[in-house]
Amino acid sequence: MSVRRLTIKEKILEEVLKSSKGNLNFTRPSWNEYFMILAKIAATRSTCLSRPTGAVIVKGKQVLSTGYNGSMPGVAHCNEEGKCFRRSSGAADSGKYDHCRSIHAEANAIAQAAKKGVNIAGAEVYVTLYPCYVCTKLLASAGIKKVYYEIGYISPDTKRDKLWEEALKVAGIEAEEVKLSDNAVIKTMSYLLKETSWRRELLDDGTPYCKNNLGEKCF
C-alpha cells in the first residue's frame, strides 16, 4: 500500500503547527497585529523589486482604503520586466524618486480613498515601511493622525533617513512600531496554508476536538 506524500503546503503547515504555543483556536491577533497583517498581505500585490510595501488606512477599527507600491496605471511594472526601472536607468540614489515610476503604497491608499470619495481625515495608517518624505507630506495633507509601521527606513543615506524620521514628528503625526507576535504569525500562516472555514469538530461541551496536525488540528 503506497503512502501519500505530503504536499509542500502540508509540510509547511505541519512545521508551523509544531511551533504553536497553545491552542490557536482561543487566540487572535490584536487590532494592531490584524491591520498590520492586512498591510503585509497588500504588499504581496506590490510590483516593486526593491521594497515591496503595503498600506492600510483605518478609522474607528474599520478599513477605509488599501494600497501597495507599483507603477502608474498603464505603465509596465518592474516585476514584469524583471528589473528595477530606476536602477537600470543609472539614476543616482539621491534623486531616485525623480526617476522611480512606482507610486508608493501610502500614496496609492490615499488616491484610492479620493477616487471613492472616502473621508480619511483623522484616520490612522498601517504601513510595512516607515514613510518617505514625499508620503509624509501626503499623509499630513490628508489628515492622517498616526502611522503604525513594521520596519524603519534604513538606507546608505543615514542623513536623509533621519530627516524622514523627524518629518512625521514635525508634521505632528504620531508613529508607532508594530511587531507581530509568534501566535499571530502562526495563526495567520495556518489560515493561509489551509482552507480557512472548514468545519471544526467540537465535543459535547463545545470545546474543540483535535484529531491530527493536518486536518482537524483545533485552530
C-alpha atoms as a PDB file:
ATOM      1  CA  MET A   1       0.000   0.000   0.000  1.00  0.00           C
ATOM      2  CA  SER A   2       1.512   3.273  -1.119  1.00  0.00           C
ATOM      3  CA  VAL A   3       1.688   6.158   1.335  1.00  0.00           C
ATOM      4  CA  ARG A   4       0.560   9.549   0.074  1.00  0.00           C
ATOM      5  CA  ARG A   5       3.340  12.107   0.188  1.00  0.00           C
ATOM      6  CA  LEU A   6       2.573  15.369   1.900  1.00  0.00           C
ATOM      7  CA  THR A   7       2.261  18.413  -0.300  1.00  0.00           C
ATOM      8  CA  ILE A   8       4.553  21.379   0.229  1.00  0.00           C
ATOM      9  CA  LYS A   9       1.720  23.296   1.920  1.00  0.00           C
ATOM     10  CA  GLU A  10       1.004  20.359   4.230  1.00  0.00           C
ATOM     11  CA  LYS A  11       4.666  20.056   5.183  1.00  0.00           C
ATOM     12  CA  ILE A  12       4.879  23.754   5.952  1.00  0.00           C
ATOM     13  CA  LEU A  13       1.617  23.631   7.890  1.00  0.00           C
ATOM     14  CA  GLU A  14       2.892  20.711   9.943  1.00  0.00           C
ATOM     15  CA  GLU A  15       6.037  22.638  10.866  1.00  0.00           C
ATOM     16  CA  VAL A  16       4.027  25.791  11.592  1.00  0.00           C
ATOM     17  CA  LEU A  17       1.746  23.945  13.985  1.00  0.00           C
ATOM     18  CA  LYS A  18       4.702  22.387  15.778  1.00  0.00           C
ATOM     19  CA  SER A  19       5.748  25.943  16.658  1.00  0.00           C
ATOM     20  CA  SER A  20       2.332  26.769  18.080  1.00  0.00           C
ATOM     21  CA  LYS A  21       2.268  27.847  21.698  1.00  0.00           C
ATOM     22  CA  GLY A  22      -1.092  26.679  22.978  1.00  0.00           C
ATOM     23  CA  ASN A  23      -4.404  26.281  21.194  1.00  0.00           C
ATOM     24  CA  LEU A  24      -4.638  28.823  18.376  1.00  0.00           C
ATOM     25  CA  ASN A  25      -8.399  28.432  18.384  1.00  0.00           C
ATOM     26  CA  PHE A  26      -8.509  30.530  21.544  1.00  0.00           C
ATOM     27  CA  THR A  27      -6.109  33.245  20.444  1.00  0.00           C
ATOM     28  CA  ARG A  28      -6.428  36.024  17.908  1.00  0.00           C
ATOM     29  CA  PRO A  29      -4.240  38.916  16.725  1.00  0.00           C
ATOM     30  CA  SER A  30      -4.519  42.260  18.463  1.00  0.00           C
ATOM     31  CA  TRP A  31      -6.064  45.103  16.455  1.00  0.00           C
ATOM     32  CA  ASN A  32      -2.619  46.449  15.597  1.00  0.00           C
ATOM     33  CA  GLU A  33      -1.454  42.997  14.504  1.00  0.00           C
ATOM     34  CA  TYR A  34      -4.639  42.460  12.497  1.00  0.00           C
ATOM     35  CA  PHE A  35      -4.250  45.649  10.473  1.00  0.00           C
ATOM     36  CA  MET A  36      -0.503  45.122  10.005  1.00  0.00           C
ATOM     37  CA  ILE A  37      -1.219  41.616   8.697  1.00  0.00           C
ATOM     38  CA  LEU A  38      -3.613  43.182   6.174  1.00  0.00           C
ATOM     39  CA  ALA A  39      -0.888  45.652   5.164  1.00  0.00           C
ATOM     40  CA  LYS A  40       1.559  42.787   4.693  1.00  0.00           C
ATOM     41  CA  ILE A  41      -0.979  40.937   2.549  1.00  0.00           C
ATOM     42  CA  ALA A  42      -1.499  44.115   0.495  1.00  0.00           C
ATOM     43  CA  ALA A  43       2.259  44.168  -0.080  1.00  0.00           C
ATOM     44  CA  THR A  44       2.012  40.812  -1.871  1.00  0.00           C
ATOM     45  CA  ARG A  45       0.410  42.760  -4.744  1.00  0.00           C
ATOM     46  CA  SER A  46       3.421  45.071  -4.990  1.00  0.00           C
ATOM     47  CA  THR A  47       5.338  45.065  -8.263  1.00  0.00           C
ATOM     48  CA  CYS A  48       8.423  46.776  -6.812  1.00  0.00           C
ATOM     49  CA  LEU A  49      11.557  44.626  -6.850  1.00  0.00           C
ATOM     50  CA  SER A  50      13.352  46.734  -4.249  1.00  0.00           C
ATOM     51  CA  ARG A  51      10.971  47.371  -1.339  1.00  0.00           C
ATOM     52  CA  PRO A  52       7.552  45.676  -1.628  1.00  0.00           C
ATOM     53  CA  THR A  53       5.278  47.748   0.625  1.00  0.00           C
ATOM     54  CA  GLY A  54       1.653  47.652   1.714  1.00  0.00           C
ATOM     55  CA  ALA A  55      -0.569  50.221   3.436  1.00  0.00           C
ATOM     56  CA  VAL A  56      -3.976  50.112   5.095  1.00  0.00           C
ATOM     57  CA  ILE A  57      -5.859  53.249   6.162  1.00  0.00           C
ATOM     58  CA  VAL A  58      -8.055  52.654   9.208  1.00  0.00           C
ATOM     59  CA  LYS A  59     -10.547  54.723  11.203  1.00  0.00           C
ATOM     60  CA  GLY A  60     -12.585  53.507  14.157  1.00  0.00           C
ATOM     61  CA  LYS A  61     -11.219  49.979  13.607  1.00  0.00           C
ATOM     62  CA  GLN A  62     -12.644  49.974  10.067  1.00  0.00           C
ATOM     63  CA  VAL A  63     -10.546  49.666   6.903  1.00  0.00           C
ATOM     64  CA  LEU A  64     -11.127  52.670   4.636  1.00  0.00           C
ATOM     65  CA  SER A  65      -8.566  52.060   1.920  1.00  0.00           C
ATOM     66  CA  THR A  66      -5.577  49.910   0.989  1.00  0.00           C
ATOM     67  CA  GLY A  67      -2.588  50.377  -1.266  1.00  0.00           C
ATOM     68  CA  TYR A  68       0.705  48.892  -2.406  1.00  0.00           C
ATOM     69  CA  ASN A  69       3.608  50.274  -4.403  1.00  0.00           C
ATOM     70  CA  GLY A  70       3.624  49.761  -8.144  1.00  0.00           C
ATOM     71  CA  SER A  71       3.818  51.542 -11.468  1.00  0.00           C
ATOM     72  CA  MET A  72       1.315  54.099 -12.693  1.00  0.00           C
ATOM     73  CA  PRO A  73      -1.786  52.667 -14.424  1.00  0.00           C
ATOM     74  CA  GLY A  74      -0.977  51.641 -17.974  1.00  0.00           C
ATOM     75  CA  VAL A  75       2.776  51.621 -17.367  1.00  0.00           C
ATOM     76  CA  ALA A  76       4.892  48.459 -17.349  1.00  0.00           C
ATOM     77  CA  HIS A  77       5.718  47.007 -13.934  1.00  0.00           C
ATOM     78  CA  CYS A  78       9.261  46.246 -12.820  1.00  0.00           C
ATOM     79  CA  ASN A  79       8.371  42.678 -11.845  1.00  0.00           C
ATOM     80  CA  GLU A  80       7.072  42.126 -15.381  1.00  0.00           C
ATOM     81  CA  GLU A  81      10.298  43.422 -16.928  1.00  0.00           C
ATOM     82  CA  GLY A  82      12.468  41.610 -14.408  1.00  0.00           C
ATOM     83  CA  LYS A  83      14.498  44.664 -13.369  1.00  0.00           C
ATOM     84  CA  CYS A  84      14.201  47.902 -11.423  1.00  0.00           C
ATOM     85  CA  PHE A  85      13.430  50.730 -13.835  1.00  0.00           C
ATOM     86  CA  ARG A  86      15.171  53.384 -11.747  1.00  0.00           C
ATOM     87  CA  ARG A  87      18.359  51.425 -11.113  1.00  0.00           C
ATOM     88  CA  SER A  88      18.606  50.161 -14.674  1.00  0.00           C
ATOM     89  CA  SER A  89      18.385  53.770 -15.881  1.00  0.00           C
ATOM     90  CA  GLY A  90      21.520  54.633 -13.912  1.00  0.00           C
ATOM     91  CA  ALA A  91      19.805  57.278 -11.780  1.00  0.00           C
ATOM     92  CA  ALA A  92      21.625  58.243  -8.596  1.00  0.00           C
ATOM     93  CA  ASP A  93      20.135  57.144  -5.275  1.00  0.00           C
ATOM     94  CA  SER A  94      19.999  60.753  -4.072  1.00  0.00           C
ATOM     95  CA  GLY A  95      17.353  61.602  -6.653  1.00  0.00           C
ATOM     96  CA  LYS A  96      15.760  58.201  -7.031  1.00  0.00           C
ATOM     97  CA  TYR A  97      12.174  59.380  -6.631  1.00  0.00           C
ATOM     98  CA  ASP A  98      12.590  61.672  -9.610  1.00  0.00           C
ATOM     99  CA  HIS A  99      13.168  58.559 -11.714  1.00  0.00           C
ATOM    100  CA  CYS A 100      11.204  55.788  -9.969  1.00  0.00           C
ATOM    101  CA  ARG A 101       7.924  55.135 -11.789  1.00  0.00           C
ATOM    102  CA  SER A 102       6.248  53.453  -8.833  1.00  0.00           C
ATOM    103  CA  ILE A 103       3.560  55.101  -6.732  1.00  0.00           C
ATOM    104  CA  HIS A 104       4.147  54.408  -3.054  1.00  0.00           C
ATOM    105  CA  ALA A 105       1.721  52.323  -1.002  1.00  0.00           C
ATOM    106  CA  GLU A 106       0.581  55.241   1.170  1.00  0.00           C
ATOM    107  CA  ALA A 107       0.027  57.451  -1.876  1.00  0.00           C
ATOM    108  CA  ASN A 108      -1.985  54.721  -3.594  1.00  0.00           C
ATOM    109  CA  ALA A 109      -4.124  54.210  -0.478  1.00  0.00           C
ATOM    110  CA  ILE A 110      -4.824  57.958  -0.307  1.00  0.00           C
ATOM    111  CA  ALA A 111      -5.588  58.062  -4.033  1.00  0.00           C
ATOM    112  CA  GLN A 112      -7.981  55.119  -3.768  1.00  0.00           C
ATOM    113  CA  ALA A 113      -9.847  56.827  -0.943  1.00  0.00           C
ATOM    114  CA  ALA A 114     -10.077  60.034  -3.006  1.00  0.00           C
ATOM    115  CA  LYS A 115     -11.422  58.154  -6.032  1.00  0.00           C
ATOM    116  CA  LYS A 116     -14.153  56.571  -3.909  1.00  0.00           C
ATOM    117  CA  GLY A 117     -14.957  59.763  -2.021  1.00  0.00           C
ATOM    118  CA  VAL A 118     -13.881  58.292   1.326  1.00  0.00           C
ATOM    119  CA  ASN A 119     -13.001  60.793   4.047  1.00  0.00           C
ATOM    120  CA  ILE A 120      -9.743  59.740   5.703  1.00  0.00           C
ATOM    121  CA  ALA A 121      -9.169  62.837   7.861  1.00  0.00           C
ATOM    122  CA  GLY A 122      -8.330  61.753  11.391  1.00  0.00           C
ATOM    123  CA  ALA A 123      -7.559  58.187  10.306  1.00  0.00           C
ATOM    124  CA  GLU A 124      -4.527  56.037  11.004  1.00  0.00           C
ATOM    125  CA  VAL A 125      -2.348  54.175   8.517  1.00  0.00           C
ATOM    126  CA  TYR A 126      -0.612  50.831   8.875  1.00  0.00           C
ATOM    127  CA  VAL A 127       2.433  50.500   6.624  1.00  0.00           C
ATOM    128  CA  THR A 128       5.085  47.834   6.259  1.00  0.00           C
ATOM    129  CA  LEU A 129       7.780  50.506   5.817  1.00  0.00           C
ATOM    130  CA  TYR A 130       8.316  53.853   7.544  1.00  0.00           C
ATOM    131  CA  PRO A 131       7.048  56.603   5.190  1.00  0.00           C
ATOM    132  CA  CYS A 132       9.401  58.587   2.979  1.00  0.00           C
ATOM    133  CA  TYR A 133       9.352  62.401   2.989  1.00  0.00           C
ATOM    134  CA  VAL A 134       7.008  62.632  -0.009  1.00  0.00           C
ATOM    135  CA  CYS A 135       4.468  60.262   1.567  1.00  0.00           C
ATOM    136  CA  THR A 136       4.770  62.029   4.916  1.00  0.00           C
ATOM    137  CA  LYS A 137       3.675  65.262   3.237  1.00  0.00           C
ATOM    138  CA  LEU A 138       0.748  63.467   1.611  1.00  0.00           C
ATOM    139  CA  LEU A 139      -0.288  61.858   4.885  1.00  0.00           C
ATOM    140  CA  ALA A 140      -0.135  65.197   6.683  1.00  0.00           C
ATOM    141  CA  SER A 141      -2.172  66.905   3.966  1.00  0.00           C
ATOM    142  CA  ALA A 142      -4.763  64.100   4.074  1.00  0.00           C
ATOM    143  CA  GLY A 143      -5.175  64.497   7.833  1.00  0.00           C
ATOM    144  CA  ILE A 144      -3.700  61.173   8.920  1.00  0.00           C
ATOM    145  CA  LYS A 145      -3.095  61.354  12.671  1.00  0.00           C
ATOM    146  CA  LYS A 146      -0.941  58.278  13.310  1.00  0.00           C
ATOM    147  CA  VAL A 147       1.372  55.918  11.456  1.00  0.00           C
ATOM    148  CA  TYR A 148       1.906  52.319  12.533  1.00  0.00           C
ATOM    149  CA  TYR A 149       4.944  50.822  10.804  1.00  0.00           C
ATOM    150  CA  GLU A 150       6.642  47.439  10.704  1.00  0.00           C
ATOM    151  CA  ILE A 151      10.246  48.496   9.974  1.00  0.00           C
ATOM    152  CA  GLY A 152      12.098  51.781   9.799  1.00  0.00           C
ATOM    153  CA  TYR A 153      13.505  53.135   6.547  1.00  0.00           C
ATOM    154  CA  ILE A 154      17.194  52.268   6.514  1.00  0.00           C
ATOM    155  CA  SER A 155      19.471  53.103   3.597  1.00  0.00           C
ATOM    156  CA  PRO A 156      23.114  54.095   2.994  1.00  0.00           C
ATOM    157  CA  ASP A 157      21.994  57.743   3.248  1.00  0.00           C
ATOM    158  CA  THR A 158      21.626  57.959   7.040  1.00  0.00           C
ATOM    159  CA  LYS A 159      21.251  61.751   6.980  1.00  0.00           C
ATOM    160  CA  ARG A 160      18.218  61.504   4.702  1.00  0.00           C
ATOM    161  CA  ASP A 161      16.790  58.632   6.753  1.00  0.00           C
ATOM    162  CA  LYS A 162      16.985  60.793   9.864  1.00  0.00           C
ATOM    163  CA  LEU A 163      15.236  63.646   8.044  1.00  0.00           C
ATOM    164  CA  TRP A 164      12.387  61.328   7.078  1.00  0.00           C
ATOM    165  CA  GLU A 165      12.141  60.018  10.633  1.00  0.00           C
ATOM    166  CA  GLU A 166      11.872  63.540  12.012  1.00  0.00           C
ATOM    167  CA  ALA A 167       9.419  64.644   9.310  1.00  0.00           C
ATOM    168  CA  LEU A 168       6.487  62.818  10.925  1.00  0.00           C
ATOM    169  CA  LYS A 169       7.191  64.492  14.259  1.00  0.00           C
ATOM    170  CA  VAL A 170       7.409  67.921  12.649  1.00  0.00           C
ATOM    171  CA  ALA A 171       4.080  67.255  10.899  1.00  0.00           C
ATOM    172  CA  GLY A 172       2.501  66.313  14.235  1.00  0.00           C
ATOM    173  CA  ILE A 173       1.869  62.709  13.211  1.00  0.00           C
ATOM    174  CA  GLU A 174       2.386  60.006  15.824  1.00  0.00           C
ATOM    175  CA  ALA A 175       4.446  56.962  14.903  1.00  0.00           C
ATOM    176  CA  GLU A 176       4.466  53.510  16.500  1.00  0.00           C
ATOM    177  CA  GLU A 177       6.310  50.346  15.560  1.00  0.00           C
ATOM    178  CA  VAL A 178       4.245  47.156  15.327  1.00  0.00           C
ATOM    179  CA  LYS A 179       5.799  43.709  15.548  1.00  0.00           C
ATOM    180  CA  LEU A 180       3.711  40.579  15.094  1.00  0.00           C
ATOM    181  CA  SER A 181       3.678  38.054  17.927  1.00  0.00           C
ATOM    182  CA  ASP A 182       4.582  34.429  17.237  1.00  0.00           C
ATOM    183  CA  ASN A 183       0.969  33.345  17.748  1.00  0.00           C
ATOM    184  CA  ALA A 184      -0.328  35.979  15.311  1.00  0.00           C
ATOM    185  CA  VAL A 185       2.137  34.812  12.650  1.00  0.00           C
ATOM    186  CA  ILE A 186       1.476  31.116  13.244  1.00  0.00           C
ATOM    187  CA  LYS A 187      -2.301  31.506  13.181  1.00  0.00           C
ATOM    188  CA  THR A 188      -2.186  33.643  10.023  1.00  0.00           C
ATOM    189  CA  MET A 189       0.066  31.146   8.259  1.00  0.00           C
ATOM    190  CA  SER A 190      -2.137  28.229   9.291  1.00  0.00           C
ATOM    191  CA  TYR A 191      -5.182  30.016   7.850  1.00  0.00           C
ATOM    192  CA  LEU A 192      -3.340  30.771   4.609  1.00  0.00           C
ATOM    193  CA  LEU A 193      -1.983  27.260   4.200  1.00  0.00           C
ATOM    194  CA  LYS A 194      -5.332  25.504   4.649  1.00  0.00           C
ATOM    195  CA  GLU A 195      -8.932  26.271   3.788  1.00  0.00           C
ATOM    196  CA  THR A 196      -9.941  28.757   6.455  1.00  0.00           C
ATOM    197  CA  SER A 197     -13.549  27.849   7.198  1.00  0.00           C
ATOM    198  CA  TRP A 198     -13.605  24.052   7.212  1.00  0.00           C
ATOM    199  CA  ARG A 199     -15.910  22.601   9.858  1.00  0.00           C
ATOM    200  CA  ARG A 200     -14.232  22.164  13.241  1.00  0.00           C
ATOM    201  CA  GLU A 201     -15.096  19.105  15.306  1.00  0.00           C
ATOM    202  CA  LEU A 202     -16.388  20.030  18.777  1.00  0.00           C
ATOM    203  CA  LEU A 203     -17.013  17.942  21.876  1.00  0.00           C
ATOM    204  CA  ASP A 204     -20.381  17.940  23.644  1.00  0.00           C
ATOM    205  CA  ASP A 205     -19.166  20.673  25.978  1.00  0.00           C
ATOM    206  CA  GLY A 206     -18.359  22.876  22.974  1.00  0.00           C
ATOM    207  CA  THR A 207     -14.569  22.636  23.163  1.00  0.00           C
ATOM    208  CA  PRO A 208     -12.556  21.745  20.023  1.00  0.00           C
ATOM    209  CA  TYR A 209     -11.618  18.145  19.325  1.00  0.00           C
ATOM    210  CA  CYS A 210      -8.136  17.589  17.855  1.00  0.00           C
ATOM    211  CA  LYS A 211      -7.565  14.630  15.566  1.00  0.00           C
ATOM    212  CA  ASN A 212      -4.240  15.380  13.906  1.00  0.00           C
ATOM    213  CA  ASN A 213      -1.874  18.154  12.873  1.00  0.00           C
ATOM    214  CA  LEU A 214      -3.031  18.434   9.282  1.00  0.00           C
ATOM    215  CA  GLY A 215      -6.756  18.010   9.002  1.00  0.00           C
ATOM    216  CA  GLU A 216      -8.532  18.623  12.265  1.00  0.00           C
ATOM    217  CA  LYS A 217      -5.984  20.487  14.364  1.00  0.00           C
ATOM    218  CA  CYS A 218      -8.010  22.714  16.689  1.00  0.00           C
ATOM    219  CA  PHE A 219      -7.011  26.138  15.471  1.00  0.00           C
END
